[in-house]
Amino acid sequence: MLWWLVSEYSRDRNQSWKKVGLSATSIIAGKELADLTRIIPGPVAAAAFLDRIVRLSDSAKSQIPLVSRRP
């Protein structure tokens, strides 16, 4: 999972996250992270991983909340 994050490369699209675009990145990154998760409920840092991948997108100009915090 860490190699996926560090490589900054989509496994499904076979290209850099910078070329994928914000709309597709928002969906595909979540799917790829789920594919890499072996133990449920997944890594504690999943929200941070997805945040980093979405920020890599060239079209990510504003902040987009990825996970809502429950009280």
PDB file of N, CA and C in Angstrom:
ATOM      1  N   MET A   1       0.828  -1.183   0.000  1.00  0.00           N
ATOM      2  CA  MET A   1       0.000   0.000   0.000  1.00  0.00           C
ATOM      3  C   MET A   1       0.876   1.251   0.000  1.00  0.00           C
ATOM      4  N   LEU A   2       1.957   1.208   0.767  1.00  0.00           N
ATOM      5  CA  LEU A   2       2.834   2.368   0.833  1.00  0.00           C
ATOM      6  C   LEU A   2       3.516   2.624  -0.517  1.00  0.00           C
ATOM      7  N   TRP A   3       3.860   1.556  -1.241  1.00  0.00           N
ATOM      8  CA  TRP A   3       4.459   1.737  -2.567  1.00  0.00           C
ATOM      9  C   TRP A   3       3.473   2.388  -3.519  1.00  0.00           C
ATOM     10  N   TRP A   4       2.202   2.059  -3.395  1.00  0.00           N
ATOM     11  CA  TRP A   4       1.165   2.688  -4.216  1.00  0.00           C
ATOM     12  C   TRP A   4       1.137   4.189  -3.954  1.00  0.00           C
ATOM     13  N   LEU A   5       1.238   4.564  -2.679  1.00  0.00           N
ATOM     14  CA  LEU A   5       1.199   5.970  -2.302  1.00  0.00           C
ATOM     15  C   LEU A   5       2.444   6.706  -2.782  1.00  0.00           C
ATOM     16  N   VAL A   6       3.593   6.125  -2.567  1.00  0.00           N
ATOM     17  CA  VAL A   6       4.862   6.772  -2.913  1.00  0.00           C
ATOM     18  C   VAL A   6       5.060   6.847  -4.428  1.00  0.00           C
ATOM     19  N   SER A   7       4.579   5.864  -5.156  1.00  0.00           N
ATOM     20  CA  SER A   7       4.788   5.850  -6.604  1.00  0.00           C
ATOM     21  C   SER A   7       4.010   6.930  -7.330  1.00  0.00           C
ATOM     22  N   GLU A   8       2.920   7.416  -6.715  1.00  0.00           N
ATOM     23  CA  GLU A   8       2.079   8.452  -7.321  1.00  0.00           C
ATOM     24  C   GLU A   8       1.594   8.013  -8.704  1.00  0.00           C
ATOM     25  N   TYR A   9       1.198   6.740  -8.799  1.00  0.00           N
ATOM     26  CA  TYR A   9       0.838   6.137 -10.079  1.00  0.00           C
ATOM     27  C   TYR A   9      -0.406   5.275  -9.908  1.00  0.00           C
ATOM     28  N   SER A  10      -1.373   5.455 -10.794  1.00  0.00           N
ATOM     29  CA  SER A  10      -2.602   4.668 -10.730  1.00  0.00           C
ATOM     30  C   SER A  10      -2.362   3.281 -11.313  1.00  0.00           C
ATOM     31  N   ARG A  11      -2.729   2.267 -10.552  1.00  0.00           N
ATOM     32  CA  ARG A  11      -2.588   0.893 -11.025  1.00  0.00           C
ATOM     33  C   ARG A  11      -3.650   0.558 -12.071  1.00  0.00           C
ATOM     34  N   ASP A  12      -4.855   1.061 -11.887  1.00  0.00           N
ATOM     35  CA  ASP A  12      -5.943   0.757 -12.814  1.00  0.00           C
ATOM     36  C   ASP A  12      -5.822   1.527 -14.129  1.00  0.00           C
ATOM     37  N   ARG A  13      -5.437   2.782 -14.047  1.00  0.00           N
ATOM     38  CA  ARG A  13      -5.329   3.621 -15.249  1.00  0.00           C
ATOM     39  C   ARG A  13      -3.963   3.512 -15.909  1.00  0.00           C
ATOM     40  N   ASN A  14      -2.983   2.957 -15.180  1.00  0.00           N
ATOM     41  CA  ASN A  14      -1.626   2.780 -15.695  1.00  0.00           C
ATOM     42  C   ASN A  14      -1.012   4.117 -16.134  1.00  0.00           C
ATOM     43  N   GLN A  15      -1.198   5.122 -15.289  1.00  0.00           N
ATOM     44  CA  GLN A  15      -0.610   6.432 -15.563  1.00  0.00           C
ATOM     45  C   GLN A  15      -0.472   7.216 -14.260  1.00  0.00           C
ATOM     46  N   SER A  16       0.288   8.300 -14.314  1.00  0.00           N
ATOM     47  CA  SER A  16       0.503   9.141 -13.143  1.00  0.00           C
ATOM     48  C   SER A  16      -0.818   9.754 -12.685  1.00  0.00           C
ATOM     49  N   TRP A  17      -0.961   9.940 -11.360  1.00  0.00           N
ATOM     50  CA  TRP A  17      -2.181  10.566 -10.837  1.00  0.00           C
ATOM     51  C   TRP A  17      -2.336  11.975 -11.388  1.00  0.00           C
ATOM     52  N   LYS A  18      -1.243  12.640 -11.714  1.00  0.00           N
ATOM     53  CA  LYS A  18      -1.300  13.996 -12.250  1.00  0.00           C
ATOM     54  C   LYS A  18      -2.029  14.039 -13.585  1.00  0.00           C
ATOM     55  N   LYS A  19      -2.038  12.944 -14.309  1.00  0.00           N
ATOM     56  CA  LYS A  19      -2.693  12.894 -15.616  1.00  0.00           C
ATOM     57  C   LYS A  19      -4.121  12.370 -15.553  1.00  0.00           C
ATOM     58  N   VAL A  20      -4.526  11.830 -14.423  1.00  0.00           N
ATOM     59  CA  VAL A  20      -5.849  11.213 -14.307  1.00  0.00           C
ATOM     60  C   VAL A  20      -6.956  12.258 -14.226  1.00  0.00           C
ATOM     61  N   GLY A  21      -6.731  13.352 -13.522  1.00  0.00           N
ATOM     62  CA  GLY A  21      -7.755  14.377 -13.367  1.00  0.00           C
ATOM     63  C   GLY A  21      -8.522  14.205 -12.070  1.00  0.00           C
ATOM     64  N   LEU A  22      -9.073  15.299 -11.571  1.00  0.00           N
ATOM     65  CA  LEU A  22      -9.706  15.300 -10.255  1.00  0.00           C
ATOM     66  C   LEU A  22     -10.928  14.404 -10.169  1.00  0.00           C
ATOM     67  N   SER A  23     -11.821  14.476 -11.130  1.00  0.00           N
ATOM     68  CA  SER A  23     -13.059  13.679 -11.068  1.00  0.00           C
ATOM     69  C   SER A  23     -12.761  12.186 -11.012  1.00  0.00           C
ATOM     70  N   ALA A  24     -11.905  11.731 -11.902  1.00  0.00           N
ATOM     71  CA  ALA A  24     -11.571  10.313 -11.942  1.00  0.00           C
ATOM     72  C   ALA A  24     -10.735   9.905 -10.726  1.00  0.00           C
ATOM     73  N   THR A  25      -9.820  10.772 -10.305  1.00  0.00           N
ATOM     74  CA  THR A  25      -8.968  10.462  -9.160  1.00  0.00           C
ATOM     75  C   THR A  25      -9.797  10.229  -7.908  1.00  0.00           C
ATOM     76  N   SER A  26     -10.811  11.045  -7.708  1.00  0.00           N
ATOM     77  CA  SER A  26     -11.652  10.929  -6.515  1.00  0.00           C
ATOM     78  C   SER A  26     -12.299   9.557  -6.398  1.00  0.00           C
ATOM     79  N   ILE A  27     -12.625   8.956  -7.505  1.00  0.00           N
ATOM     80  CA  ILE A  27     -13.274   7.644  -7.502  1.00  0.00           C
ATOM     81  C   ILE A  27     -12.250   6.514  -7.563  1.00  0.00           C
ATOM     82  N   ILE A  28     -11.318   6.613  -8.483  1.00  0.00           N
ATOM     83  CA  ILE A  28     -10.367   5.529  -8.724  1.00  0.00           C
ATOM     84  C   ILE A  28      -9.428   5.318  -7.538  1.00  0.00           C
ATOM     85  N   ALA A  29      -8.991   6.399  -6.891  1.00  0.00           N
ATOM     86  CA  ALA A  29      -8.077   6.258  -5.748  1.00  0.00           C
ATOM     87  C   ALA A  29      -8.735   5.470  -4.620  1.00  0.00           C
ATOM     88  N   GLY A  30      -9.995   5.729  -4.343  1.00  0.00           N
ATOM     89  CA  GLY A  30     -10.705   4.978  -3.311  1.00  0.00           C
ATOM     90  C   GLY A  30     -10.825   3.513  -3.663  1.00  0.00           C
ATOM     91  N   LYS A  31     -11.098   3.241  -4.924  1.00  0.00           N
ATOM     92  CA  LYS A  31     -11.223   1.854  -5.394  1.00  0.00           C
ATOM     93  C   LYS A  31      -9.881   1.127  -5.298  1.00  0.00           C
ATOM     94  N   GLU A  32      -8.809   1.793  -5.717  1.00  0.00           N
ATOM     95  CA  GLU A  32      -7.489   1.165  -5.666  1.00  0.00           C
ATOM     96  C   GLU A  32      -7.041   0.928  -4.221  1.00  0.00           C
ATOM     97  N   LEU A  33      -7.312   1.884  -3.335  1.00  0.00           N
ATOM     98  CA  LEU A  33      -6.959   1.695  -1.929  1.00  0.00           C
ATOM     99  C   LEU A  33      -7.737   0.529  -1.338  1.00  0.00           C
ATOM    100  N   ALA A  34      -8.999   0.398  -1.695  1.00  0.00           N
ATOM    101  CA  ALA A  34      -9.805  -0.742  -1.221  1.00  0.00           C
ATOM    102  C   ALA A  34      -9.229  -2.058  -1.752  1.00  0.00           C
ATOM    103  N   ASP A  35      -8.785  -2.063  -3.008  1.00  0.00           N
ATOM    104  CA  ASP A  35      -8.187  -3.269  -3.584  1.00  0.00           C
ATOM    105  C   ASP A  35      -6.925  -3.692  -2.830  1.00  0.00           C
ATOM    106  N   LEU A  36      -6.180  -2.718  -2.328  1.00  0.00           N
ATOM    107  CA  LEU A  36      -4.928  -3.008  -1.623  1.00  0.00           C
ATOM    108  C   LEU A  36      -5.137  -3.365  -0.154  1.00  0.00           C
ATOM    109  N   THR A  37      -6.339  -3.128   0.363  1.00  0.00           N
ATOM    110  CA  THR A  37      -6.619  -3.395   1.771  1.00  0.00           C
ATOM    111  C   THR A  37      -6.874  -4.880   1.982  1.00  0.00           C
ATOM    112  N   ARG A  38      -6.109  -5.478   2.879  1.00  0.00           N
ATOM    113  CA  ARG A  38      -6.231  -6.911   3.156  1.00  0.00           C
ATOM    114  C   ARG A  38      -6.985  -7.184   4.452  1.00  0.00           C
ATOM    115  N   ILE A  39      -6.938  -6.233   5.383  1.00  0.00           N
ATOM    116  CA  ILE A  39      -7.580  -6.416   6.688  1.00  0.00           C
ATOM    117  C   ILE A  39      -8.612  -5.310   6.880  1.00  0.00           C
ATOM    118  N   ILE A  40      -9.821  -5.697   7.156  1.00  0.00           N
ATOM    119  CA  ILE A  40     -10.893  -4.741   7.395  1.00  0.00           C
ATOM    120  C   ILE A  40     -10.807  -4.279   8.844  1.00  0.00           C
ATOM    121  N   PRO A  41     -10.937  -3.045   9.215  1.00  0.00           N
ATOM    122  CA  PRO A  41     -11.498  -1.934   8.468  1.00  0.00           C
ATOM    123  C   PRO A  41     -10.487  -1.153   7.645  1.00  0.00           C
ATOM    124  N   GLY A  42      -9.295  -1.630   7.453  1.00  0.00           N
ATOM    125  CA  GLY A  42      -8.316  -0.942   6.626  1.00  0.00           C
ATOM    126  C   GLY A  42      -7.369  -0.091   7.465  1.00  0.00           C
ATOM    127  N   PRO A  43      -6.444   0.585   6.798  1.00  0.00           N
ATOM    128  CA  PRO A  43      -5.442   1.365   7.528  1.00  0.00           C
ATOM    129  C   PRO A  43      -6.050   2.583   8.205  1.00  0.00           C
ATOM    130  N   VAL A  44      -5.511   2.899   9.355  1.00  0.00           N
ATOM    131  CA  VAL A  44      -5.963   4.079  10.088  1.00  0.00           C
ATOM    132  C   VAL A  44      -5.714   5.337   9.257  1.00  0.00           C
ATOM    133  N   ALA A  45      -4.672   5.329   8.461  1.00  0.00           N
ATOM    134  CA  ALA A  45      -4.287   6.494   7.676  1.00  0.00           C
ATOM    135  C   ALA A  45      -4.954   6.551   6.303  1.00  0.00           C
ATOM    136  N   ALA A  46      -6.014   5.794   6.070  1.00  0.00           N
ATOM    137  CA  ALA A  46      -6.655   5.756   4.751  1.00  0.00           C
ATOM    138  C   ALA A  46      -7.074   7.142   4.275  1.00  0.00           C
ATOM    139  N   ALA A  47      -7.644   7.955   5.149  1.00  0.00           N
ATOM    140  CA  ALA A  47      -8.071   9.309   4.751  1.00  0.00           C
ATOM    141  C   ALA A  47      -6.873  10.148   4.327  1.00  0.00           C
ATOM    142  N   ALA A  48      -5.756  10.018   5.035  1.00  0.00           N
ATOM    143  CA  ALA A  48      -4.546  10.763   4.675  1.00  0.00           C
ATOM    144  C   ALA A  48      -3.975  10.273   3.349  1.00  0.00           C
ATOM    145  N   PHE A  49      -4.007   8.973   3.122  1.00  0.00           N
ATOM    146  CA  PHE A  49      -3.535   8.426   1.849  1.00  0.00           C
ATOM    147  C   PHE A  49      -4.351   8.991   0.694  1.00  0.00           C
ATOM    148  N   LEU A  50      -5.671   8.952   0.828  1.00  0.00           N
ATOM    149  CA  LEU A  50      -6.541   9.456  -0.240  1.00  0.00           C
ATOM    150  C   LEU A  50      -6.372  10.962  -0.431  1.00  0.00           C
ATOM    151  N   ASP A  51      -6.184  11.695   0.655  1.00  0.00           N
ATOM    152  CA  ASP A  51      -5.966  13.134   0.558  1.00  0.00           C
ATOM    153  C   ASP A  51      -4.723  13.433  -0.266  1.00  0.00           C
ATOM    154  N   ARG A  52      -3.659  12.691  -0.014  1.00  0.00           N
ATOM    155  CA  ARG A  52      -2.418  12.927  -0.762  1.00  0.00           C
ATOM    156  C   ARG A  52      -2.608  12.627  -2.251  1.00  0.00           C
ATOM    157  N   ILE A  53      -3.259  11.527  -2.580  1.00  0.00           N
ATOM    158  CA  ILE A  53      -3.465  11.161  -3.977  1.00  0.00           C
ATOM    159  C   ILE A  53      -4.319  12.215  -4.688  1.00  0.00           C
ATOM    160  N   VAL A  54      -5.377  12.678  -4.048  1.00  0.00           N
ATOM    161  CA  VAL A  54      -6.241  13.690  -4.673  1.00  0.00           C
ATOM    162  C   VAL A  54      -5.480  14.997  -4.876  1.00  0.00           C
ATOM    163  N   ARG A  55      -4.616  15.369  -3.920  1.00  0.00           N
ATOM    164  CA  ARG A  55      -3.824  16.594  -4.080  1.00  0.00           C
ATOM    165  C   ARG A  55      -2.829  16.504  -5.232  1.00  0.00           C
ATOM    166  N   LEU A  56      -2.465  15.297  -5.637  1.00  0.00           N
ATOM    167  CA  LEU A  56      -1.538  15.134  -6.757  1.00  0.00           C
ATOM    168  C   LEU A  56      -2.175  15.505  -8.092  1.00  0.00           C
ATOM    169  N   SER A  57      -3.475  15.447  -8.154  1.00  0.00           N
ATOM    170  CA  SER A  57      -4.173  15.756  -9.392  1.00  0.00           C
ATOM    171  C   SER A  57      -3.928  17.211  -9.771  1.00  0.00           C
ATOM    172  N   ASP A  58      -3.559  17.460 -11.024  1.00  0.00           N
ATOM    173  CA  ASP A  58      -3.284  18.825 -11.490  1.00  0.00           C
ATOM    174  C   ASP A  58      -4.489  19.737 -11.339  1.00  0.00           C
ATOM    175  N   SER A  59      -5.684  19.186 -11.434  1.00  0.00           N
ATOM    176  CA  SER A  59      -6.884  20.017 -11.380  1.00  0.00           C
ATOM    177  C   SER A  59      -7.417  20.191  -9.965  1.00  0.00           C
ATOM    178  N   ALA A  60      -6.712  19.677  -8.967  1.00  0.00           N
ATOM    179  CA  ALA A  60      -7.170  19.817  -7.573  1.00  0.00           C
ATOM    180  C   ALA A  60      -6.757  21.187  -7.050  1.00  0.00           C
ATOM    181  N   LYS A  61      -7.613  22.162  -7.220  1.00  0.00           N
ATOM    182  CA  LYS A  61      -7.305  23.528  -6.804  1.00  0.00           C
ATOM    183  C   LYS A  61      -7.927  23.882  -5.465  1.00  0.00           C
ATOM    184  N   SER A  62      -8.951  23.174  -5.051  1.00  0.00           N
ATOM    185  CA  SER A  62      -9.596  23.474  -3.781  1.00  0.00           C
ATOM    186  C   SER A  62      -9.625  22.234  -2.920  1.00  0.00           C
ATOM    187  N   GLN A  63      -9.868  22.442  -1.644  1.00  0.00           N
ATOM    188  CA  GLN A  63      -9.928  21.301  -0.733  1.00  0.00           C
ATOM    189  C   GLN A  63     -11.264  20.602  -0.868  1.00  0.00           C
ATOM    190  N   ILE A  64     -11.214  19.286  -0.887  1.00  0.00           N
ATOM    191  CA  ILE A  64     -12.420  18.474  -0.978  1.00  0.00           C
ATOM    192  C   ILE A  64     -12.437  17.542   0.220  1.00  0.00           C
ATOM    193  N   PRO A  65     -13.468  17.609   1.066  1.00  0.00           N
ATOM    194  CA  PRO A  65     -13.507  16.704   2.216  1.00  0.00           C
ATOM    195  C   PRO A  65     -13.689  15.261   1.757  1.00  0.00           C
ATOM    196  N   LEU A  66     -12.806  14.373   2.225  1.00  0.00           N
ATOM    197  CA  LEU A  66     -12.865  12.968   1.814  1.00  0.00           C
ATOM    198  C   LEU A  66     -13.610  12.101   2.816  1.00  0.00           C
ATOM    199  N   VAL A  67     -13.496  12.444   4.079  1.00  0.00           N
ATOM    200  CA  VAL A  67     -14.106  11.635   5.117  1.00  0.00           C
ATOM    201  C   VAL A  67     -14.820  12.562   6.090  1.00  0.00           C
ATOM    202  N   SER A  68     -16.064  12.282   6.358  1.00  0.00           N
ATOM    203  CA  SER A  68     -16.767  13.074   7.357  1.00  0.00           C
ATOM    204  C   SER A  68     -16.481  12.492   8.737  1.00  0.00           C
ATOM    205  N   ARG A  69     -16.183  13.333   9.659  1.00  0.00           N
ATOM    206  CA  ARG A  69     -15.887  12.921  11.031  1.00  0.00           C
ATOM    207  C   ARG A  69     -17.200  12.782  11.795  1.00  0.00           C
ATOM    208  N   ARG A  70     -17.406  11.644  12.405  1.00  0.00           N
ATOM    209  CA  ARG A  70     -18.612  11.421  13.192  1.00  0.00           C
ATOM    210  C   ARG A  70     -18.317  11.761  14.645  1.00  0.00           C
ATOM    211  N   PRO A  71     -19.293  12.375  15.332  1.00  0.00           N
ATOM    212  CA  PRO A  71     -19.063  12.739  16.739  1.00  0.00           C
ATOM    213  C   PRO A  71     -18.914  11.553  17.642  1.00  0.00           C
TER     214      PRO A  71
END
